[in-house]
């Protein structure tokens, strides 16, 4: 858009294309079940993360950070 080497006609066409894409995205609506599915996926991620933390906590390791070994 700001490249002065590109002819004005070409830059104008690009600007109009960007506006068209913006209108398409703005007009897009979610599917009825998609919001529920997104929430379900998020809940599953949280549950799996929580399970990993619980397993890590039950492994007998302390919460203190272990010193890094120099290679």
Foldseek 3Di string as FASTA:
>chain_A
DPPPVDDPVVVVVVVVVVVVVVVVVVPDDDDPCPVVVVVVVVVVVVVVVVVVVVVVVPPPDDPDDDDDDDD
